[in-house]
Each structure stands twice: as C-alpha cells, then as structure tokens.
Amino acid sequence: WKLKQHLANPGVRQRRLLKRLLQSNAGTVF
C-alpha cells in the first residue's frame, strides 16, 4: 500500500527522496 501511494505521484516522491538523501549525505566524503 505504501508503494501504491507513492505511485500516485512518483515525481513528488522522487524529488523528496533526492532532497533527503542529498541533505543527509552532504557531509560524507562523496
């Protein structure tokens, strides 16, 4: 059901996920 919710608007989910990953990993070597 969680996946089904995300499939309703995948672009929004992908943008949020990218933002979260970039913020949380900005201090890594990579």
ModelCIF file with pLDDT and N, C-alpha, C, O atoms, coordinates in Angstrom:
data_MODEL
#
_entry.id   MODEL 
#
_entity.id                         1 
_entity.type                       polymer 
_entity.pdbx_number_of_molecules   1 
#
_entity_poly.entity_id                      1 
_entity_poly.type                           'polypeptide(L)' 
_entity_poly.nstd_linkage                   no 
_entity_poly.nstd_monomer                   no 
_entity_poly.pdbx_seq_one_letter_code       WKLKQHLANPGVRQRRLLKRLLQSNAGTVF 
_entity_poly.pdbx_seq_one_letter_code_can   WKLKQHLANPGVRQRRLLKRLLQSNAGTVF 
_entity_poly.pdbx_strand_id                 A 
#
loop_
_entity_poly_seq.entity_id 
_entity_poly_seq.num 
_entity_poly_seq.mon_id 
_entity_poly_seq.hetero 
1 1  TRP n 
1 2  LYS n 
1 3  LEU n 
1 4  LYS n 
1 5  GLN n 
1 6  HIS n 
1 7  LEU n 
1 8  ALA n 
1 9  ASN n 
1 10 PRO n 
1 11 GLY n 
1 12 VAL n 
1 13 ARG n 
1 14 GLN n 
1 15 ARG n 
1 16 ARG n 
1 17 LEU n 
1 18 LEU n 
1 19 LYS n 
1 20 ARG n 
1 21 LEU n 
1 22 LEU n 
1 23 GLN n 
1 24 SER n 
1 25 ASN n 
1 26 ALA n 
1 27 GLY n 
1 28 THR n 
1 29 VAL n 
1 30 PHE n 
#
_struct_asym.id          A 
_struct_asym.entity_id   1 
#
loop_
_ma_qa_metric.id 
_ma_qa_metric.mode 
_ma_qa_metric.name 
_ma_qa_metric.software_group_id 
_ma_qa_metric.type 
1 global pLDDT . pLDDT 
2 local  pLDDT . pLDDT 
#
_ma_qa_metric_global.metric_id      1 
_ma_qa_metric_global.metric_value   94.27 
_ma_qa_metric_global.model_id       1 
_ma_qa_metric_global.ordinal_id     1 
#
loop_
_ma_qa_metric_local.label_asym_id 
_ma_qa_metric_local.label_comp_id 
_ma_qa_metric_local.label_seq_id 
_ma_qa_metric_local.metric_id 
_ma_qa_metric_local.metric_value 
_ma_qa_metric_local.model_id 
_ma_qa_metric_local.ordinal_id 
A TRP 1  2 91.00 1 1  
A LYS 2  2 88.00 1 2  
A LEU 3  2 88.00 1 3  
A LYS 4  2 89.00 1 4  
A GLN 5  2 90.00 1 5  
A HIS 6  2 88.00 1 6  
A LEU 7  2 90.00 1 7  
A ALA 8  2 92.00 1 8  
A ASN 9  2 93.00 1 9  
A PRO 10 2 94.00 1 10 
A GLY 11 2 94.00 1 11 
A VAL 12 2 94.00 1 12 
A ARG 13 2 92.00 1 13 
A GLN 14 2 94.00 1 14 
A ARG 15 2 95.00 1 15 
A ARG 16 2 95.00 1 16 
A LEU 17 2 94.00 1 17 
A LEU 18 2 97.00 1 18 
A LYS 19 2 97.00 1 19 
A ARG 20 2 96.00 1 20 
A LEU 21 2 97.00 1 21 
A LEU 22 2 98.00 1 22 
A GLN 23 2 97.00 1 23 
A SER 24 2 97.00 1 24 
A ASN 25 2 98.00 1 25 
A ALA 26 2 98.00 1 26 
A GLY 27 2 98.00 1 27 
A THR 28 2 98.00 1 28 
A VAL 29 2 98.00 1 29 
A PHE 30 2 98.00 1 30 
#
loop_
_atom_site.group_PDB 
_atom_site.id 
_atom_site.type_symbol 
_atom_site.label_atom_id 
_atom_site.label_alt_id 
_atom_site.label_comp_id 
_atom_site.label_asym_id 
_atom_site.label_entity_id 
_atom_site.label_seq_id 
_atom_site.pdbx_PDB_ins_code 
_atom_site.Cartn_x 
_atom_site.Cartn_y 
_atom_site.Cartn_z 
_atom_site.occupancy 
_atom_site.B_iso_or_equiv 
_atom_site.pdbx_formal_charge 
_atom_site.auth_seq_id 
_atom_site.auth_comp_id 
_atom_site.auth_asym_id 
_atom_site.auth_atom_id 
_atom_site.pdbx_PDB_model_num 
ATOM 1   N N  . TRP A 1 1  ? 0.821  -1.209 0.000  1.00 91.00 ? 1  TRP A N  1 
ATOM 2   C CA . TRP A 1 1  ? 0.000  0.000  0.000  1.00 91.00 ? 1  TRP A CA 1 
ATOM 3   C C  . TRP A 1 1  ? 0.857  1.262  0.000  1.00 91.00 ? 1  TRP A C  1 
ATOM 4   O O  . TRP A 1 1  ? 0.485  2.275  -0.593 1.00 91.00 ? 1  TRP A O  1 
ATOM 5   N N  . LYS A 1 2  ? 1.986  1.193  0.657  1.00 88.00 ? 2  LYS A N  1 
ATOM 6   C CA . LYS A 1 2  ? 2.895  2.345  0.657  1.00 88.00 ? 2  LYS A CA 1 
ATOM 7   C C  . LYS A 1 2  ? 3.394  2.615  -0.764 1.00 88.00 ? 2  LYS A C  1 
ATOM 8   O O  . LYS A 1 2  ? 3.435  3.762  -1.208 1.00 88.00 ? 2  LYS A O  1 
ATOM 9   N N  . LEU A 1 3  ? 3.769  1.558  -1.463 1.00 88.00 ? 3  LEU A N  1 
ATOM 10  C CA . LEU A 1 3  ? 4.216  1.710  -2.844 1.00 88.00 ? 3  LEU A CA 1 
ATOM 11  C C  . LEU A 1 3  ? 3.090  2.264  -3.709 1.00 88.00 ? 3  LEU A C  1 
ATOM 12  O O  . LEU A 1 3  ? 3.322  3.156  -4.526 1.00 88.00 ? 3  LEU A O  1 
ATOM 13  N N  . LYS A 1 4  ? 1.886  1.751  -3.543 1.00 89.00 ? 4  LYS A N  1 
ATOM 14  C CA . LYS A 1 4  ? 0.737  2.232  -4.320 1.00 89.00 ? 4  LYS A CA 1 
ATOM 15  C C  . LYS A 1 4  ? 0.525  3.732  -4.097 1.00 89.00 ? 4  LYS A C  1 
ATOM 16  O O  . LYS A 1 4  ? 0.215  4.458  -5.042 1.00 89.00 ? 4  LYS A O  1 
ATOM 17  N N  . GLN A 1 5  ? 0.691  4.200  -2.854 1.00 90.00 ? 5  GLN A N  1 
ATOM 18  C CA . GLN A 1 5  ? 0.549  5.629  -2.573 1.00 90.00 ? 5  GLN A CA 1 
ATOM 19  C C  . GLN A 1 5  ? 1.605  6.431  -3.323 1.00 90.00 ? 5  GLN A C  1 
ATOM 20  O O  . GLN A 1 5  ? 1.309  7.479  -3.897 1.00 90.00 ? 5  GLN A O  1 
ATOM 21  N N  . HIS A 1 6  ? 2.827  5.937  -3.313 1.00 88.00 ? 6  HIS A N  1 
ATOM 22  C CA . HIS A 1 6  ? 3.913  6.647  -3.988 1.00 88.00 ? 6  HIS A CA 1 
ATOM 23  C C  . HIS A 1 6  ? 3.731  6.651  -5.502 1.00 88.00 ? 6  HIS A C  1 
ATOM 24  O O  . HIS A 1 6  ? 4.165  7.585  -6.175 1.00 88.00 ? 6  HIS A O  1 
ATOM 25  N N  . LEU A 1 7  ? 3.103  5.631  -6.033 1.00 90.00 ? 7  LEU A N  1 
ATOM 26  C CA . LEU A 1 7  ? 2.890  5.564  -7.477 1.00 90.00 ? 7  LEU A CA 1 
ATOM 27  C C  . LEU A 1 7  ? 1.843  6.564  -7.963 1.00 90.00 ? 7  LEU A C  1 
ATOM 28  O O  . LEU A 1 7  ? 1.763  6.849  -9.158 1.00 90.00 ? 7  LEU A O  1 
ATOM 29  N N  . ALA A 1 8  ? 1.043  7.096  -7.042 1.00 92.00 ? 8  ALA A N  1 
ATOM 30  C CA . ALA A 1 8  ? 0.041  8.084  -7.421 1.00 92.00 ? 8  ALA A CA 1 
ATOM 31  C C  . ALA A 1 8  ? 0.707  9.360  -7.936 1.00 92.00 ? 8  ALA A C  1 
ATOM 32  O O  . ALA A 1 8  ? 0.164  10.036 -8.811 1.00 92.00 ? 8  ALA A O  1 
ATOM 33  N N  . ASN A 1 9  ? 1.872  9.688  -7.400 1.00 93.00 ? 9  ASN A N  1 
ATOM 34  C CA . ASN A 1 9  ? 2.611  10.872 -7.838 1.00 93.00 ? 9  ASN A CA 1 
ATOM 35  C C  . ASN A 1 9  ? 4.106  10.618 -7.657 1.00 93.00 ? 9  ASN A C  1 
ATOM 36  O O  . ASN A 1 9  ? 4.719  11.156 -6.736 1.00 93.00 ? 9  ASN A O  1 
ATOM 37  N N  . PRO A 1 10 ? 4.691  9.804  -8.529 1.00 94.00 ? 10 PRO A N  1 
ATOM 38  C CA . PRO A 1 10 ? 6.090  9.395  -8.325 1.00 94.00 ? 10 PRO A CA 1 
ATOM 39  C C  . PRO A 1 10 ? 7.089  10.541 -8.403 1.00 94.00 ? 10 PRO A C  1 
ATOM 40  O O  . PRO A 1 10 ? 8.126  10.495 -7.741 1.00 94.00 ? 10 PRO A O  1 
ATOM 41  N N  . GLY A 1 11 ? 6.803  11.559 -9.188 1.00 94.00 ? 11 GLY A N  1 
ATOM 42  C CA . GLY A 1 11 ? 7.736  12.680 -9.296 1.00 94.00 ? 11 GLY A CA 1 
ATOM 43  C C  . GLY A 1 11 ? 7.927  13.387 -7.972 1.00 94.00 ? 11 GLY A C  1 
ATOM 44  O O  . GLY A 1 11 ? 9.050  13.744 -7.613 1.00 94.00 ? 11 GLY A O  1 
ATOM 45  N N  . VAL A 1 12 ? 6.840  13.593 -7.239 1.00 94.00 ? 12 VAL A N  1 
ATOM 46  C CA . VAL A 1 12 ? 6.923  14.228 -5.925 1.00 94.00 ? 12 VAL A CA 1 
ATOM 47  C C  . VAL A 1 12 ? 7.743  13.366 -4.984 1.00 94.00 ? 12 VAL A C  1 
ATOM 48  O O  . VAL A 1 12 ? 8.616  13.871 -4.277 1.00 94.00 ? 12 VAL A O  1 
ATOM 49  N N  . ARG A 1 13 ? 7.473  12.081 -4.971 1.00 92.00 ? 13 ARG A N  1 
ATOM 50  C CA . ARG A 1 13 ? 8.206  11.152 -4.099 1.00 92.00 ? 13 ARG A CA 1 
ATOM 51  C C  . ARG A 1 13 ? 9.696  11.154 -4.441 1.00 92.00 ? 13 ARG A C  1 
ATOM 52  O O  . ARG A 1 13 ? 10.540 11.178 -3.545 1.00 92.00 ? 13 ARG A O  1 
ATOM 53  N N  . GLN A 1 14 ? 10.014 11.130 -5.723 1.00 94.00 ? 14 GLN A N  1 
ATOM 54  C CA . GLN A 1 14 ? 11.415 11.103 -6.133 1.00 94.00 ? 14 GLN A CA 1 
ATOM 55  C C  . GLN A 1 14 ? 12.137 12.387 -5.751 1.00 94.00 ? 14 GLN A C  1 
ATOM 56  O O  . GLN A 1 14 ? 13.284 12.341 -5.307 1.00 94.00 ? 14 GLN A O  1 
ATOM 57  N N  . ARG A 1 15 ? 11.480 13.539 -5.919 1.00 95.00 ? 15 ARG A N  1 
ATOM 58  C CA . ARG A 1 15 ? 12.116 14.805 -5.539 1.00 95.00 ? 15 ARG A CA 1 
ATOM 59  C C  . ARG A 1 15 ? 12.367 14.868 -4.032 1.00 95.00 ? 15 ARG A C  1 
ATOM 60  O O  . ARG A 1 15 ? 13.430 15.308 -3.594 1.00 95.00 ? 15 ARG A O  1 
ATOM 61  N N  . ARG A 1 16 ? 11.388 14.426 -3.242 1.00 95.00 ? 16 ARG A N  1 
ATOM 62  C CA . ARG A 1 16 ? 11.563 14.416 -1.781 1.00 95.00 ? 16 ARG A CA 1 
ATOM 63  C C  . ARG A 1 16 ? 12.692 13.479 -1.363 1.00 95.00 ? 16 ARG A C  1 
ATOM 64  O O  . ARG A 1 16 ? 13.500 13.810 -0.495 1.00 95.00 ? 16 ARG A O  1 
ATOM 65  N N  . LEU A 1 17 ? 12.736 12.323 -1.983 1.00 94.00 ? 17 LEU A N  1 
ATOM 66  C CA . LEU A 1 17 ? 13.771 11.349 -1.655 1.00 94.00 ? 17 LEU A CA 1 
ATOM 67  C C  . LEU A 1 17 ? 15.152 11.880 -2.020 1.00 94.00 ? 17 LEU A C  1 
ATOM 68  O O  . LEU A 1 17 ? 16.091 11.753 -1.235 1.00 94.00 ? 17 LEU A O  1 
ATOM 69  N N  . LEU A 1 18 ? 15.284 12.471 -3.200 1.00 97.00 ? 18 LEU A N  1 
ATOM 70  C CA . LEU A 1 18 ? 16.575 13.041 -3.607 1.00 97.00 ? 18 LEU A CA 1 
ATOM 71  C C  . LEU A 1 18 ? 17.001 14.124 -2.627 1.00 97.00 ? 18 LEU A C  1 
ATOM 72  O O  . LEU A 1 18 ? 18.159 14.161 -2.209 1.00 97.00 ? 18 LEU A O  1 
ATOM 73  N N  . LYS A 1 19 ? 16.080 15.006 -2.259 1.00 97.00 ? 19 LYS A N  1 
ATOM 74  C CA . LYS A 1 19 ? 16.414 16.080 -1.323 1.00 97.00 ? 19 LYS A CA 1 
ATOM 75  C C  . LYS A 1 19 ? 16.874 15.516 0.017  1.00 97.00 ? 19 LYS A C  1 
ATOM 76  O O  . LYS A 1 19 ? 17.870 15.971 0.580  1.00 97.00 ? 19 LYS A O  1 
ATOM 77  N N  . ARG A 1 20 ? 16.148 14.528 0.523  1.00 96.00 ? 20 ARG A N  1 
ATOM 78  C CA . ARG A 1 20 ? 16.506 13.916 1.812  1.00 96.00 ? 20 ARG A CA 1 
ATOM 79  C C  . ARG A 1 20 ? 17.879 13.260 1.741  1.00 96.00 ? 20 ARG A C  1 
ATOM 80  O O  . ARG A 1 20 ? 18.691 13.426 2.651  1.00 96.00 ? 20 ARG A O  1 
ATOM 81  N N  . LEU A 1 21 ? 18.147 12.517 0.668  1.00 97.00 ? 21 LEU A N  1 
ATOM 82  C CA . LEU A 1 21 ? 19.436 11.834 0.531  1.00 97.00 ? 21 LEU A CA 1 
ATOM 83  C C  . LEU A 1 21 ? 20.590 12.826 0.391  1.00 97.00 ? 21 LEU A C  1 
ATOM 84  O O  . LEU A 1 21 ? 21.659 12.627 0.968  1.00 97.00 ? 21 LEU A O  1 
ATOM 85  N N  . LEU A 1 22 ? 20.375 13.882 -0.367 1.00 98.00 ? 22 LEU A N  1 
ATOM 86  C CA . LEU A 1 22 ? 21.422 14.888 -0.533 1.00 98.00 ? 22 LEU A CA 1 
ATOM 87  C C  . LEU A 1 22 ? 21.715 15.600 0.787  1.00 98.00 ? 22 LEU A C  1 
ATOM 88  O O  . LEU A 1 22 ? 22.875 15.802 1.145  1.00 98.00 ? 22 LEU A O  1 
ATOM 89  N N  . GLN A 1 23 ? 20.663 15.977 1.506  1.00 97.00 ? 23 GLN A N  1 
ATOM 90  C CA . GLN A 1 23 ? 20.864 16.655 2.791  1.00 97.00 ? 23 GLN A CA 1 
ATOM 91  C C  . GLN A 1 23 ? 21.568 15.756 3.799  1.00 97.00 ? 23 GLN A C  1 
ATOM 92  O O  . GLN A 1 23 ? 22.500 16.185 4.478  1.00 97.00 ? 23 GLN A O  1 
ATOM 93  N N  . SER A 1 24 ? 21.122 14.523 3.893  1.00 97.00 ? 24 SER A N  1 
ATOM 94  C CA . SER A 1 24 ? 21.699 13.651 4.920  1.00 97.00 ? 24 SER A CA 1 
ATOM 95  C C  . SER A 1 24 ? 23.114 13.195 4.579  1.00 97.00 ? 24 SER A C  1 
ATOM 96  O O  . SER A 1 24 ? 23.863 12.797 5.472  1.00 97.00 ? 24 SER A O  1 
ATOM 97  N N  . ASN A 1 25 ? 23.488 13.246 3.319  1.00 98.00 ? 25 ASN A N  1 
ATOM 98  C CA . ASN A 1 25 ? 24.818 12.764 2.929  1.00 98.00 ? 25 ASN A CA 1 
ATOM 99  C C  . ASN A 1 25 ? 25.758 13.870 2.455  1.00 98.00 ? 25 ASN A C  1 
ATOM 100 O O  . ASN A 1 25 ? 26.821 13.584 1.905  1.00 98.00 ? 25 ASN A O  1 
ATOM 101 N N  . ALA A 1 26 ? 25.375 15.127 2.664  1.00 98.00 ? 26 ALA A N  1 
ATOM 102 C CA . ALA A 1 26 ? 26.213 16.248 2.218  1.00 98.00 ? 26 ALA A CA 1 
ATOM 103 C C  . ALA A 1 26 ? 27.576 16.255 2.910  1.00 98.00 ? 26 ALA A C  1 
ATOM 104 O O  . ALA A 1 26 ? 28.559 16.714 2.329  1.00 98.00 ? 26 ALA A O  1 
ATOM 105 N N  . GLY A 1 27 ? 27.643 15.753 4.137  1.00 98.00 ? 27 GLY A N  1 
ATOM 106 C CA . GLY A 1 27 ? 28.901 15.767 4.877  1.00 98.00 ? 27 GLY A CA 1 
ATOM 107 C C  . GLY A 1 27 ? 29.792 14.562 4.659  1.00 98.00 ? 27 GLY A C  1 
ATOM 108 O O  . GLY A 1 27 ? 30.856 14.459 5.270  1.00 98.00 ? 27 GLY A O  1 
ATOM 109 N N  . THR A 1 28 ? 29.378 13.657 3.805  1.00 98.00 ? 28 THR A N  1 
ATOM 110 C CA . THR A 1 28 ? 30.213 12.484 3.525  1.00 98.00 ? 28 THR A CA 1 
ATOM 111 C C  . THR A 1 28 ? 31.341 12.851 2.564  1.00 98.00 ? 28 THR A C  1 
ATOM 112 O O  . THR A 1 28 ? 31.317 13.911 1.939  1.00 98.00 ? 28 THR A O  1 
ATOM 113 N N  . VAL A 1 29 ? 32.311 11.978 2.457  1.00 98.00 ? 29 VAL A N  1 
ATOM 114 C CA . VAL A 1 29 ? 33.409 12.195 1.510  1.00 98.00 ? 29 VAL A CA 1 
ATOM 115 C C  . VAL A 1 29 ? 32.841 12.362 0.101  1.00 98.00 ? 29 VAL A C  1 
ATOM 116 O O  . VAL A 1 29 ? 33.216 13.285 -0.623 1.00 98.00 ? 29 VAL A O  1 
ATOM 117 N N  . PHE A 1 30 ? 31.938 11.466 -0.278 1.00 98.00 ? 30 PHE A N  1 
ATOM 118 C CA . PHE A 1 30 ? 31.333 11.505 -1.608 1.00 98.00 ? 30 PHE A CA 1 
ATOM 119 C C  . PHE A 1 30 ? 30.494 12.770 -1.787 1.00 98.00 ? 30 PHE A C  1 
ATOM 120 O O  . PHE A 1 30 ? 29.907 12.976 -2.849 1.00 98.00 ? 30 PHE A O  1 
#
